[in-house]
Amino acid sequence: MTKKNVQRMGMVIGLKPEDKAEYIRLHADVWPDVLARLSQSNVTNYSIFLREPEMLMFSYWEYVGSDFEADMAAVSADPVTQEWWKLCGPMQAPLKTRAEGEWWARMEQVFHLD
């Protein structure tokens, strides 16, 4: 893998204030099978940040594979990941301006320093 093959992904979503503590608790100990599926699907360097008081979360990760659609389909089809999403999804507040089919709203990268 060369640095040129890395696709940097930035996304944003809201977090319901009443679910903040539980969301942070869950992400302090993400299920190993969820992490394994992400790694198998060529996702690396994944971080989630929380901005308060706005309750906006920003996620950043890098995709290092060669078939993004297939890898993301494998993540979506994974039963353990689906269970994880059932826990985390209701705590999130998607942006009204997100594109059709998105949960986390994708962001455009406008700068990167290597």
PDB file of N, CA and C in Angstrom:
ATOM      1  N   MET A   1       0.840  -1.178   0.000  1.00  0.00           N
ATOM      2  CA  MET A   1       0.000   0.000   0.000  1.00  0.00           C
ATOM      3  C   MET A   1       0.883   1.239   0.000  1.00  0.00           C
ATOM      4  N   THR A   2       0.612   2.123  -0.916  1.00  0.00           N
ATOM      5  CA  THR A   2       1.306   3.406  -0.919  1.00  0.00           C
ATOM      6  C   THR A   2       0.367   4.467  -0.384  1.00  0.00           C
ATOM      7  N   LYS A   3       0.939   5.565   0.069  1.00  0.00           N
ATOM      8  CA  LYS A   3       0.110   6.645   0.581  1.00  0.00           C
ATOM      9  C   LYS A   3      -0.859   7.145  -0.472  1.00  0.00           C
ATOM     10  N   LYS A   4      -0.492   7.011  -1.732  1.00  0.00           N
ATOM     11  CA  LYS A   4      -1.341   7.461  -2.826  1.00  0.00           C
ATOM     12  C   LYS A   4      -2.654   6.671  -2.880  1.00  0.00           C
ATOM     13  N   ASN A   5      -2.658   5.413  -2.428  1.00  0.00           N
ATOM     14  CA  ASN A   5      -3.848   4.573  -2.485  1.00  0.00           C
ATOM     15  C   ASN A   5      -4.820   4.823  -1.335  1.00  0.00           C
ATOM     16  N   VAL A   6      -4.455   5.657  -0.384  1.00  0.00           N
ATOM     17  CA  VAL A   6      -5.305   5.915   0.777  1.00  0.00           C
ATOM     18  C   VAL A   6      -6.426   6.878   0.395  1.00  0.00           C
ATOM     19  N   GLN A   7      -7.653   6.496   0.735  1.00  0.00           N
ATOM     20  CA  GLN A   7      -8.796   7.407   0.603  1.00  0.00           C
ATOM     21  C   GLN A   7      -9.165   7.856   2.004  1.00  0.00           C
ATOM     22  N   ARG A   8      -9.089   9.141   2.259  1.00  0.00           N
ATOM     23  CA  ARG A   8      -9.419   9.691   3.572  1.00  0.00           C
ATOM     24  C   ARG A   8     -10.900  10.026   3.617  1.00  0.00           C
ATOM     25  N   MET A   9     -11.574   9.571   4.659  1.00  0.00           N
ATOM     26  CA  MET A   9     -13.018   9.750   4.788  1.00  0.00           C
ATOM     27  C   MET A   9     -13.325  10.586   6.027  1.00  0.00           C
ATOM     28  N   GLY A  10     -14.080  11.648   5.843  1.00  0.00           N
ATOM     29  CA  GLY A  10     -14.555  12.463   6.947  1.00  0.00           C
ATOM     30  C   GLY A  10     -16.074  12.503   6.897  1.00  0.00           C
ATOM     31  N   MET A  11     -16.717  12.302   8.039  1.00  0.00           N
ATOM     32  CA  MET A  11     -18.175  12.291   8.106  1.00  0.00           C
ATOM     33  C   MET A  11     -18.625  12.963   9.390  1.00  0.00           C
ATOM     34  N   VAL A  12     -19.867  13.424   9.391  1.00  0.00           N
ATOM     35  CA  VAL A  12     -20.408  14.108  10.561  1.00  0.00           C
ATOM     36  C   VAL A  12     -21.833  13.623  10.833  1.00  0.00           C
ATOM     37  N   ILE A  13     -22.191  13.615  12.110  1.00  0.00           N
ATOM     38  CA  ILE A  13     -23.538  13.227  12.545  1.00  0.00           C
ATOM     39  C   ILE A  13     -23.754  13.840  13.928  1.00  0.00           C
ATOM     40  N   GLY A  14     -24.990  14.005  14.305  1.00  0.00           N
ATOM     41  CA  GLY A  14     -25.298  14.473  15.648  1.00  0.00           C
ATOM     42  C   GLY A  14     -25.345  13.319  16.633  1.00  0.00           C
ATOM     43  N   LEU A  15     -25.229  13.671  17.906  1.00  0.00           N
ATOM     44  CA  LEU A  15     -25.378  12.706  18.996  1.00  0.00           C
ATOM     45  C   LEU A  15     -26.440  13.251  19.939  1.00  0.00           C
ATOM     46  N   LYS A  16     -27.400  12.424  20.295  1.00  0.00           N
ATOM     47  CA  LYS A  16     -28.446  12.852  21.228  1.00  0.00           C
ATOM     48  C   LYS A  16     -27.815  13.053  22.604  1.00  0.00           C
ATOM     49  N   PRO A  17     -28.000  14.239  23.185  1.00  0.00           N
ATOM     50  CA  PRO A  17     -27.334  14.540  24.466  1.00  0.00           C
ATOM     51  C   PRO A  17     -27.614  13.519  25.563  1.00  0.00           C
ATOM     52  N   GLU A  18     -28.816  13.000  25.599  1.00  0.00           N
ATOM     53  CA  GLU A  18     -29.170  12.044  26.658  1.00  0.00           C
ATOM     54  C   GLU A  18     -28.442  10.706  26.504  1.00  0.00           C
ATOM     55  N   ASP A  19     -27.845  10.470  25.330  1.00  0.00           N
ATOM     56  CA  ASP A  19     -27.154   9.206  25.074  1.00  0.00           C
ATOM     57  C   ASP A  19     -25.634   9.331  25.089  1.00  0.00           C
ATOM     58  N   LYS A  20     -25.141  10.514  25.405  1.00  0.00           N
ATOM     59  CA  LYS A  20     -23.697  10.754  25.349  1.00  0.00           C
ATOM     60  C   LYS A  20     -22.900   9.743  26.175  1.00  0.00           C
ATOM     61  N   ALA A  21     -23.242   9.567  27.431  1.00  0.00           N
ATOM     62  CA  ALA A  21     -22.460   8.677  28.310  1.00  0.00           C
ATOM     63  C   ALA A  21     -22.451   7.244  27.791  1.00  0.00           C
ATOM     64  N   GLU A  22     -23.605   6.753  27.351  1.00  0.00           N
ATOM     65  CA  GLU A  22     -23.674   5.372  26.857  1.00  0.00           C
ATOM     66  C   GLU A  22     -22.903   5.208  25.544  1.00  0.00           C
ATOM     67  N   TYR A  23     -22.986   6.187  24.682  1.00  0.00           N
ATOM     68  CA  TYR A  23     -22.268   6.125  23.405  1.00  0.00           C
ATOM     69  C   TYR A  23     -20.756   6.073  23.650  1.00  0.00           C
ATOM     70  N   ILE A  24     -20.296   6.920  24.545  1.00  0.00           N
ATOM     71  CA  ILE A  24     -18.867   6.931  24.876  1.00  0.00           C
ATOM     72  C   ILE A  24     -18.467   5.611  25.536  1.00  0.00           C
ATOM     73  N   ARG A  25     -19.301   5.091  26.413  1.00  0.00           N
ATOM     74  CA  ARG A  25     -19.007   3.813  27.066  1.00  0.00           C
ATOM     75  C   ARG A  25     -18.880   2.694  26.041  1.00  0.00           C
ATOM     76  N   LEU A  26     -19.830   2.632  25.107  1.00  0.00           N
ATOM     77  CA  LEU A  26     -19.776   1.598  24.069  1.00  0.00           C
ATOM     78  C   LEU A  26     -18.501   1.708  23.238  1.00  0.00           C
ATOM     79  N   HIS A  27     -18.116   2.931  22.904  1.00  0.00           N
ATOM     80  CA  HIS A  27     -16.946   3.107  22.048  1.00  0.00           C
ATOM     81  C   HIS A  27     -15.622   2.989  22.792  1.00  0.00           C
ATOM     82  N   ALA A  28     -15.681   2.938  24.107  1.00  0.00           N
ATOM     83  CA  ALA A  28     -14.469   2.671  24.883  1.00  0.00           C
ATOM     84  C   ALA A  28     -14.094   1.189  24.805  1.00  0.00           C
ATOM     85  N   ASP A  29     -15.052   0.368  24.372  1.00  0.00           N
ATOM     86  CA  ASP A  29     -14.829  -1.075  24.298  1.00  0.00           C
ATOM     87  C   ASP A  29     -15.615  -1.651  23.116  1.00  0.00           C
ATOM     88  N   VAL A  30     -15.274  -1.211  21.910  1.00  0.00           N
ATOM     89  CA  VAL A  30     -15.971  -1.674  20.707  1.00  0.00           C
ATOM     90  C   VAL A  30     -15.806  -3.184  20.578  1.00  0.00           C
ATOM     91  N   TRP A  31     -16.877  -3.833  20.181  1.00  0.00           N
ATOM     92  CA  TRP A  31     -16.854  -5.285  20.052  1.00  0.00           C
ATOM     93  C   TRP A  31     -15.733  -5.721  19.100  1.00  0.00           C
ATOM     94  N   PRO A  32     -14.950  -6.720  19.495  1.00  0.00           N
ATOM     95  CA  PRO A  32     -13.834  -7.182  18.654  1.00  0.00           C
ATOM     96  C   PRO A  32     -14.261  -7.589  17.240  1.00  0.00           C
ATOM     97  N   ASP A  33     -15.434  -8.214  17.090  1.00  0.00           N
ATOM     98  CA  ASP A  33     -15.868  -8.635  15.756  1.00  0.00           C
ATOM     99  C   ASP A  33     -16.193  -7.444  14.857  1.00  0.00           C
ATOM    100  N   VAL A  34     -16.662  -6.343  15.442  1.00  0.00           N
ATOM    101  CA  VAL A  34     -16.920  -5.126  14.665  1.00  0.00           C
ATOM    102  C   VAL A  34     -15.587  -4.560  14.171  1.00  0.00           C
ATOM    103  N   LEU A  35     -14.624  -4.500  15.057  1.00  0.00           N
ATOM    104  CA  LEU A  35     -13.304  -3.999  14.671  1.00  0.00           C
ATOM    105  C   LEU A  35     -12.651  -4.897  13.614  1.00  0.00           C
ATOM    106  N   ALA A  36     -12.796  -6.197  13.781  1.00  0.00           N
ATOM    107  CA  ALA A  36     -12.216  -7.140  12.816  1.00  0.00           C
ATOM    108  C   ALA A  36     -12.840  -6.960  11.440  1.00  0.00           C
ATOM    109  N   ARG A  37     -14.161  -6.790  11.387  1.00  0.00           N
ATOM    110  CA  ARG A  37     -14.834  -6.609  10.102  1.00  0.00           C
ATOM    111  C   ARG A  37     -14.342  -5.340   9.411  1.00  0.00           C
ATOM    112  N   LEU A  38     -14.200  -4.258  10.163  1.00  0.00           N
ATOM    113  CA  LEU A  38     -13.689  -3.017   9.576  1.00  0.00           C
ATOM    114  C   LEU A  38     -12.282  -3.225   9.018  1.00  0.00           C
ATOM    115  N   SER A  39     -11.434  -3.877   9.795  1.00  0.00           N
ATOM    116  CA  SER A  39     -10.069  -4.144   9.320  1.00  0.00           C
ATOM    117  C   SER A  39     -10.072  -5.015   8.070  1.00  0.00           C
ATOM    118  N   GLN A  40     -10.908  -6.055   8.069  1.00  0.00           N
ATOM    119  CA  GLN A  40     -10.997  -6.943   6.900  1.00  0.00           C
ATOM    120  C   GLN A  40     -11.509  -6.191   5.671  1.00  0.00           C
ATOM    121  N   SER A  41     -12.261  -5.126   5.907  1.00  0.00           N
ATOM    122  CA  SER A  41     -12.804  -4.324   4.809  1.00  0.00           C
ATOM    123  C   SER A  41     -11.931  -3.110   4.516  1.00  0.00           C
ATOM    124  N   ASN A  42     -10.680  -3.183   4.924  1.00  0.00           N
ATOM    125  CA  ASN A  42      -9.670  -2.193   4.562  1.00  0.00           C
ATOM    126  C   ASN A  42      -9.891  -0.806   5.145  1.00  0.00           C
ATOM    127  N   VAL A  43     -10.522  -0.748   6.323  1.00  0.00           N
ATOM    128  CA  VAL A  43     -10.689   0.510   7.047  1.00  0.00           C
ATOM    129  C   VAL A  43      -9.608   0.563   8.112  1.00  0.00           C
ATOM    130  N   THR A  44      -8.900   1.669   8.177  1.00  0.00           N
ATOM    131  CA  THR A  44      -7.823   1.835   9.141  1.00  0.00           C
ATOM    132  C   THR A  44      -7.833   3.267   9.677  1.00  0.00           C
ATOM    133  N   ASN A  45      -7.092   3.471  10.736  1.00  0.00           N
ATOM    134  CA  ASN A  45      -6.904   4.812  11.297  1.00  0.00           C
ATOM    135  C   ASN A  45      -8.241   5.506  11.572  1.00  0.00           C
ATOM    136  N   TYR A  46      -9.150   4.803  12.222  1.00  0.00           N
ATOM    137  CA  TYR A  46     -10.528   5.265  12.452  1.00  0.00           C
ATOM    138  C   TYR A  46     -10.606   5.986  13.795  1.00  0.00           C
ATOM    139  N   SER A  47     -11.144   7.200  13.775  1.00  0.00           N
ATOM    140  CA  SER A  47     -11.354   7.983  14.992  1.00  0.00           C
ATOM    141  C   SER A  47     -12.718   8.646  14.936  1.00  0.00           C
ATOM    142  N   ILE A  48     -13.322   8.852  16.102  1.00  0.00           N
ATOM    143  CA  ILE A  48     -14.553   9.636  16.223  1.00  0.00           C
ATOM    144  C   ILE A  48     -14.298  10.706  17.267  1.00  0.00           C
ATOM    145  N   PHE A  49     -14.679  11.933  16.930  1.00  0.00           N
ATOM    146  CA  PHE A  49     -14.517  13.074  17.818  1.00  0.00           C
ATOM    147  C   PHE A  49     -15.896  13.643  18.141  1.00  0.00           C
ATOM    148  N   LEU A  50     -16.056  14.183  19.339  1.00  0.00           N
ATOM    149  CA  LEU A  50     -17.309  14.808  19.750  1.00  0.00           C
ATOM    150  C   LEU A  50     -17.075  16.281  20.007  1.00  0.00           C
ATOM    151  N   ARG A  51     -17.931  17.120  19.429  1.00  0.00           N
ATOM    152  CA  ARG A  51     -17.896  18.565  19.653  1.00  0.00           C
ATOM    153  C   ARG A  51     -19.115  18.954  20.482  1.00  0.00           C
ATOM    154  N   GLU A  52     -18.822  19.452  21.693  1.00  0.00           N
ATOM    155  CA  GLU A  52     -19.884  19.952  22.554  1.00  0.00           C
ATOM    156  C   GLU A  52     -19.763  21.467  22.631  1.00  0.00           C
ATOM    157  N   PRO A  53     -20.818  22.201  22.827  1.00  0.00           N
ATOM    158  CA  PRO A  53     -22.157  21.765  23.198  1.00  0.00           C
ATOM    159  C   PRO A  53     -23.048  21.392  22.012  1.00  0.00           C
ATOM    160  N   GLU A  54     -22.526  21.485  20.801  1.00  0.00           N
ATOM    161  CA  GLU A  54     -23.339  21.229  19.612  1.00  0.00           C
ATOM    162  C   GLU A  54     -23.748  19.776  19.455  1.00  0.00           C
ATOM    163  N   MET A  55     -23.048  18.882  20.127  1.00  0.00           N
ATOM    164  CA  MET A  55     -23.299  17.442  20.064  1.00  0.00           C
ATOM    165  C   MET A  55     -23.135  16.926  18.626  1.00  0.00           C
ATOM    166  N   LEU A  56     -22.086  17.383  17.973  1.00  0.00           N
ATOM    167  CA  LEU A  56     -21.732  16.901  16.641  1.00  0.00           C
ATOM    168  C   LEU A  56     -20.543  15.961  16.765  1.00  0.00           C
ATOM    169  N   MET A  57     -20.648  14.841  16.083  1.00  0.00           N
ATOM    170  CA  MET A  57     -19.532  13.908  16.034  1.00  0.00           C
ATOM    171  C   MET A  57     -18.928  13.952  14.633  1.00  0.00           C
ATOM    172  N   PHE A  58     -17.608  13.955  14.609  1.00  0.00           N
ATOM    173  CA  PHE A  58     -16.850  13.899  13.365  1.00  0.00           C
ATOM    174  C   PHE A  58     -16.086  12.590  13.369  1.00  0.00           C
ATOM    175  N   SER A  59     -16.217  11.835  12.288  1.00  0.00           N
ATOM    176  CA  SER A  59     -15.433  10.608  12.178  1.00  0.00           C
ATOM    177  C   SER A  59     -14.436  10.761  11.038  1.00  0.00           C
ATOM    178  N   TYR A  60     -13.292  10.158  11.248  1.00  0.00           N
ATOM    179  CA  TYR A  60     -12.239  10.144  10.234  1.00  0.00           C
ATOM    180  C   TYR A  60     -11.703   8.729  10.159  1.00  0.00           C
ATOM    181  N   TRP A  61     -11.581   8.233   8.934  1.00  0.00           N
ATOM    182  CA  TRP A  61     -10.929   6.947   8.727  1.00  0.00           C
ATOM    183  C   TRP A  61     -10.326   6.918   7.339  1.00  0.00           C
ATOM    184  N   GLU A  62      -9.465   5.946   7.172  1.00  0.00           N
ATOM    185  CA  GLU A  62      -8.775   5.786   5.897  1.00  0.00           C
ATOM    186  C   GLU A  62      -9.151   4.452   5.284  1.00  0.00           C
ATOM    187  N   TYR A  63      -9.437   4.486   4.003  1.00  0.00           N
ATOM    188  CA  TYR A  63      -9.735   3.271   3.258  1.00  0.00           C
ATOM    189  C   TYR A  63      -8.512   2.944   2.416  1.00  0.00           C
ATOM    190  N   VAL A  64      -8.011   1.717   2.568  1.00  0.00           N
ATOM    191  CA  VAL A  64      -6.769   1.325   1.895  1.00  0.00           C
ATOM    192  C   VAL A  64      -6.975   0.168   0.918  1.00  0.00           C
ATOM    193  N   GLY A  65      -8.216  -0.147   0.595  1.00  0.00           N
ATOM    194  CA  GLY A  65      -8.503  -1.251  -0.312  1.00  0.00           C
ATOM    195  C   GLY A  65      -8.602  -0.806  -1.750  1.00  0.00           C
ATOM    196  N   SER A  66      -9.086  -1.710  -2.590  1.00  0.00           N
ATOM    197  CA  SER A  66      -9.211  -1.419  -4.020  1.00  0.00           C
ATOM    198  C   SER A  66     -10.649  -1.525  -4.527  1.00  0.00           C
ATOM    199  N   ASP A  67     -11.588  -1.969  -3.680  1.00  0.00           N
ATOM    200  CA  ASP A  67     -12.989  -2.089  -4.082  1.00  0.00           C
ATOM    201  C   ASP A  67     -13.870  -1.584  -2.944  1.00  0.00           C
ATOM    202  N   PHE A  68     -14.002  -0.265  -2.877  1.00  0.00           N
ATOM    203  CA  PHE A  68     -14.710   0.378  -1.776  1.00  0.00           C
ATOM    204  C   PHE A  68     -16.144  -0.131  -1.639  1.00  0.00           C
ATOM    205  N   GLU A  69     -16.872  -0.213  -2.744  1.00  0.00           N
ATOM    206  CA  GLU A  69     -18.273  -0.640  -2.687  1.00  0.00           C
ATOM    207  C   GLU A  69     -18.403  -2.053  -2.123  1.00  0.00           C
ATOM    208  N   ALA A  70     -17.560  -2.971  -2.574  1.00  0.00           N
ATOM    209  CA  ALA A  70     -17.622  -4.351  -2.079  1.00  0.00           C
ATOM    210  C   ALA A  70     -17.244  -4.421  -0.602  1.00  0.00           C
ATOM    211  N   ASP A  71     -16.229  -3.680  -0.214  1.00  0.00           N
ATOM    212  CA  ASP A  71     -15.817  -3.696   1.189  1.00  0.00           C
ATOM    213  C   ASP A  71     -16.893  -3.107   2.094  1.00  0.00           C
ATOM    214  N   MET A  72     -17.533  -2.037   1.671  1.00  0.00           N
ATOM    215  CA  MET A  72     -18.590  -1.436   2.489  1.00  0.00           C
ATOM    216  C   MET A  72     -19.829  -2.335   2.520  1.00  0.00           C
ATOM    217  N   ALA A  73     -20.086  -3.041   1.429  1.00  0.00           N
ATOM    218  CA  ALA A  73     -21.198  -4.003   1.407  1.00  0.00           C
ATOM    219  C   ALA A  73     -20.935  -5.129   2.406  1.00  0.00           C
ATOM    220  N   ALA A  74     -19.686  -5.563   2.517  1.00  0.00           N
ATOM    221  CA  ALA A  74     -19.339  -6.611   3.485  1.00  0.00           C
ATOM    222  C   ALA A  74     -19.543  -6.119   4.913  1.00  0.00           C
ATOM    223  N   VAL A  75     -19.212  -4.873   5.180  1.00  0.00           N
ATOM    224  CA  VAL A  75     -19.455  -4.304   6.508  1.00  0.00           C
ATOM    225  C   VAL A  75     -20.958  -4.290   6.771  1.00  0.00           C
ATOM    226  N   SER A  76     -21.724  -3.789   5.828  1.00  0.00           N
ATOM    227  CA  SER A  76     -23.181  -3.677   5.999  1.00  0.00           C
ATOM    228  C   SER A  76     -23.859  -5.032   6.172  1.00  0.00           C
ATOM    229  N   ALA A  77     -23.323  -6.061   5.545  1.00  0.00           N
ATOM    230  CA  ALA A  77     -23.929  -7.398   5.600  1.00  0.00           C
ATOM    231  C   ALA A  77     -23.539  -8.178   6.854  1.00  0.00           C
ATOM    232  N   ASP A  78     -22.550  -7.711   7.570  1.00  0.00           N
ATOM    233  CA  ASP A  78     -22.049  -8.436   8.736  1.00  0.00           C
ATOM    234  C   ASP A  78     -23.069  -8.416   9.873  1.00  0.00           C
ATOM    235  N   PRO A  79     -23.524  -9.578  10.356  1.00  0.00           N
ATOM    236  CA  PRO A  79     -24.552  -9.622  11.399  1.00  0.00           C
ATOM    237  C   PRO A  79     -24.138  -8.960  12.719  1.00  0.00           C
ATOM    238  N   VAL A  80     -22.877  -9.093  13.105  1.00  0.00           N
ATOM    239  CA  VAL A  80     -22.433  -8.476  14.356  1.00  0.00           C
ATOM    240  C   VAL A  80     -22.423  -6.958  14.213  1.00  0.00           C
ATOM    241  N   THR A  81     -21.967  -6.465  13.070  1.00  0.00           N
ATOM    242  CA  THR A  81     -21.984  -5.024  12.819  1.00  0.00           C
ATOM    243  C   THR A  81     -23.414  -4.506  12.812  1.00  0.00           C
ATOM    244  N   GLN A  82     -24.330  -5.261  12.254  1.00  0.00           N
ATOM    245  CA  GLN A  82     -25.736  -4.857  12.250  1.00  0.00           C
ATOM    246  C   GLN A  82     -26.273  -4.733  13.675  1.00  0.00           C
ATOM    247  N   GLU A  83     -25.887  -5.646  14.551  1.00  0.00           N
ATOM    248  CA  GLU A  83     -26.296  -5.564  15.957  1.00  0.00           C
ATOM    249  C   GLU A  83     -25.690  -4.324  16.627  1.00  0.00           C
ATOM    250  N   TRP A  84     -24.439  -4.047  16.313  1.00  0.00           N
ATOM    251  CA  TRP A  84     -23.768  -2.851  16.843  1.00  0.00           C
ATOM    252  C   TRP A  84     -24.513  -1.586  16.410  1.00  0.00           C
ATOM    253  N   TRP A  85     -24.887  -1.544  15.141  1.00  0.00           N
ATOM    254  CA  TRP A  85     -25.618  -0.385  14.614  1.00  0.00           C
ATOM    255  C   TRP A  85     -26.984  -0.233  15.286  1.00  0.00           C
ATOM    256  N   LYS A  86     -27.610  -1.369  15.637  1.00  0.00           N
ATOM    257  CA  LYS A  86     -28.909  -1.295  16.336  1.00  0.00           C
ATOM    258  C   LYS A  86     -28.758  -0.630  17.699  1.00  0.00           C
ATOM    259  N   LEU A  87     -27.618  -0.785  18.338  1.00  0.00           N
ATOM    260  CA  LEU A  87     -27.352  -0.120  19.610  1.00  0.00           C
ATOM    261  C   LEU A  87     -27.007   1.358  19.418  1.00  0.00           C
ATOM    262  N   CYS A  88     -26.117   1.613  18.481  1.00  0.00           N
ATOM    263  CA  CYS A  88     -25.583   2.964  18.320  1.00  0.00           C
ATOM    264  C   CYS A  88     -26.491   3.879  17.490  1.00  0.00           C
ATOM    265  N   GLY A  89     -27.145   3.335  16.497  1.00  0.00           N
ATOM    266  CA  GLY A  89     -27.953   4.148  15.591  1.00  0.00           C
ATOM    267  C   GLY A  89     -28.990   5.020  16.265  1.00  0.00           C
ATOM    268  N   PRO A  90     -29.777   4.481  17.199  1.00  0.00           N
ATOM    269  CA  PRO A  90     -30.796   5.312  17.848  1.00  0.00           C
ATOM    270  C   PRO A  90     -30.220   6.462  18.680  1.00  0.00           C
ATOM    271  N   MET A  91     -28.949   6.391  19.026  1.00  0.00           N
ATOM    272  CA  MET A  91     -28.313   7.462  19.801  1.00  0.00           C
ATOM    273  C   MET A  91     -27.864   8.616  18.909  1.00  0.00           C
ATOM    274  N   GLN A  92     -27.804   8.356  17.628  1.00  0.00           N
ATOM    275  CA  GLN A  92     -27.293   9.341  16.681  1.00  0.00           C
ATOM    276  C   GLN A  92     -28.432  10.180  16.100  1.00  0.00           C
ATOM    277  N   ALA A  93     -28.086  11.387  15.665  1.00  0.00           N
ATOM    278  CA  ALA A  93     -29.049  12.304  15.059  1.00  0.00           C
ATOM    279  C   ALA A  93     -28.485  12.737  13.704  1.00  0.00           C
ATOM    280  N   PRO A  94     -28.849  12.019  12.632  1.00  0.00           N
ATOM    281  CA  PRO A  94     -28.314  12.355  11.316  1.00  0.00           C
ATOM    282  C   PRO A  94     -28.685  13.777  10.897  1.00  0.00           C
ATOM    283  N   LEU A  95     -27.805  14.396  10.136  1.00  0.00           N
ATOM    284  CA  LEU A  95     -28.067  15.740   9.633  1.00  0.00           C
ATOM    285  C   LEU A  95     -29.204  15.711   8.620  1.00  0.00           C
ATOM    286  N   LYS A  96     -30.068  16.691   8.675  1.00  0.00           N
ATOM    287  CA  LYS A  96     -31.165  16.775   7.710  1.00  0.00           C
ATOM    288  C   LYS A  96     -30.648  17.008   6.294  1.00  0.00           C
ATOM    289  N   THR A  97     -29.456  17.562   6.172  1.00  0.00           N
ATOM    290  CA  THR A  97     -28.879  17.892   4.864  1.00  0.00           C
ATOM    291  C   THR A  97     -28.044  16.769   4.264  1.00  0.00           C
ATOM    292  N   ARG A  98     -28.013  15.602   4.905  1.00  0.00           N
ATOM    293  CA  ARG A  98     -27.198  14.504   4.373  1.00  0.00           C
ATOM    294  C   ARG A  98     -27.769  14.038   3.035  1.00  0.00           C
ATOM    295  N   ALA A  99     -26.927  13.420   2.241  1.00  0.00           N
ATOM    296  CA  ALA A  99     -27.360  12.901   0.939  1.00  0.00           C
ATOM    297  C   ALA A  99     -28.267  11.690   1.132  1.00  0.00           C
ATOM    298  N   GLU A 100     -29.091  11.448   0.155  1.00  0.00           N
ATOM    299  CA  GLU A 100     -29.971  10.283   0.201  1.00  0.00           C
ATOM    300  C   GLU A 100     -29.131   9.015   0.349  1.00  0.00           C
ATOM    301  N   GLY A 101     -29.552   8.150   1.259  1.00  0.00           N
ATOM    302  CA  GLY A 101     -28.839   6.900   1.496  1.00  0.00           C
ATOM    303  C   GLY A 101     -27.731   7.002   2.522  1.00  0.00           C
ATOM    304  N   GLU A 102     -27.393   8.209   2.957  1.00  0.00           N
ATOM    305  CA  GLU A 102     -26.347   8.371   3.967  1.00  0.00           C
ATOM    306  C   GLU A 102     -26.953   8.349   5.366  1.00  0.00           C
ATOM    307  N   TRP A 103     -26.177   7.887   6.334  1.00  0.00           N
ATOM    308  CA  TRP A 103     -26.517   8.037   7.745  1.00  0.00           C
ATOM    309  C   TRP A 103     -25.584   9.105   8.306  1.00  0.00           C
ATOM    310  N   TRP A 104     -24.296   8.811   8.318  1.00  0.00           N
ATOM    311  CA  TRP A 104     -23.285   9.835   8.594  1.00  0.00           C
ATOM    312  C   TRP A 104     -23.140  10.645   7.302  1.00  0.00           C
ATOM    313  N   ALA A 105     -23.160  11.964   7.393  1.00  0.00           N
ATOM    314  CA  ALA A 105     -23.023  12.824   6.214  1.00  0.00           C
ATOM    315  C   ALA A 105     -21.552  12.904   5.816  1.00  0.00           C
ATOM    316  N   ARG A 106     -21.275  12.544   4.574  1.00  0.00           N
ATOM    317  CA  ARG A 106     -19.896  12.593   4.073  1.00  0.00           C
ATOM    318  C   ARG A 106     -19.452  14.027   3.894  1.00  0.00           C
ATOM    319  N   MET A 107     -18.177  14.255   4.108  1.00  0.00           N
ATOM    320  CA  MET A 107     -17.591  15.579   3.975  1.00  0.00           C
ATOM    321  C   MET A 107     -16.553  15.551   2.864  1.00  0.00           C
ATOM    322  N   GLU A 108     -16.341  16.690   2.258  1.00  0.00           N
ATOM    323  CA  GLU A 108     -15.334  16.829   1.208  1.00  0.00           C
ATOM    324  C   GLU A 108     -14.004  17.217   1.842  1.00  0.00           C
ATOM    325  N   GLN A 109     -12.948  16.511   1.486  1.00  0.00           N
ATOM    326  CA  GLN A 109     -11.621  16.876   1.963  1.00  0.00           C
ATOM    327  C   GLN A 109     -11.144  18.077   1.163  1.00  0.00           C
ATOM    328  N   VAL A 110     -10.736  19.121   1.867  1.00  0.00           N
ATOM    329  CA  VAL A 110     -10.248  20.324   1.176  1.00  0.00           C
ATOM    330  C   VAL A 110      -8.769  20.593   1.440  1.00  0.00           C
ATOM    331  N   PHE A 111      -8.171  19.844   2.369  1.00  0.00           N
ATOM    332  CA  PHE A 111      -6.753  20.033   2.648  1.00  0.00           C
ATOM    333  C   PHE A 111      -6.203  18.798   3.331  1.00  0.00           C
ATOM    334  N   HIS A 112      -4.944  18.488   3.055  1.00  0.00           N
ATOM    335  CA  HIS A 112      -4.236  17.407   3.747  1.00  0.00           C
ATOM    336  C   HIS A 112      -2.747  17.706   3.712  1.00  0.00           C
ATOM    337  N   LEU A 113      -2.089  17.547   4.844  1.00  0.00           N
ATOM    338  CA  LEU A 113      -0.639  17.678   4.945  1.00  0.00           C
ATOM    339  C   LEU A 113      -0.074  16.305   5.251  1.00  0.00           C
ATOM    340  N   ASP A 114       0.791  15.827   4.417  1.00  0.00           N
ATOM    341  CA  ASP A 114       1.442  14.534   4.646  1.00  0.00           C
ATOM    342  C   ASP A 114       2.712  14.732   5.417  1.00  0.00           C
TER     343      ASP A 114
END
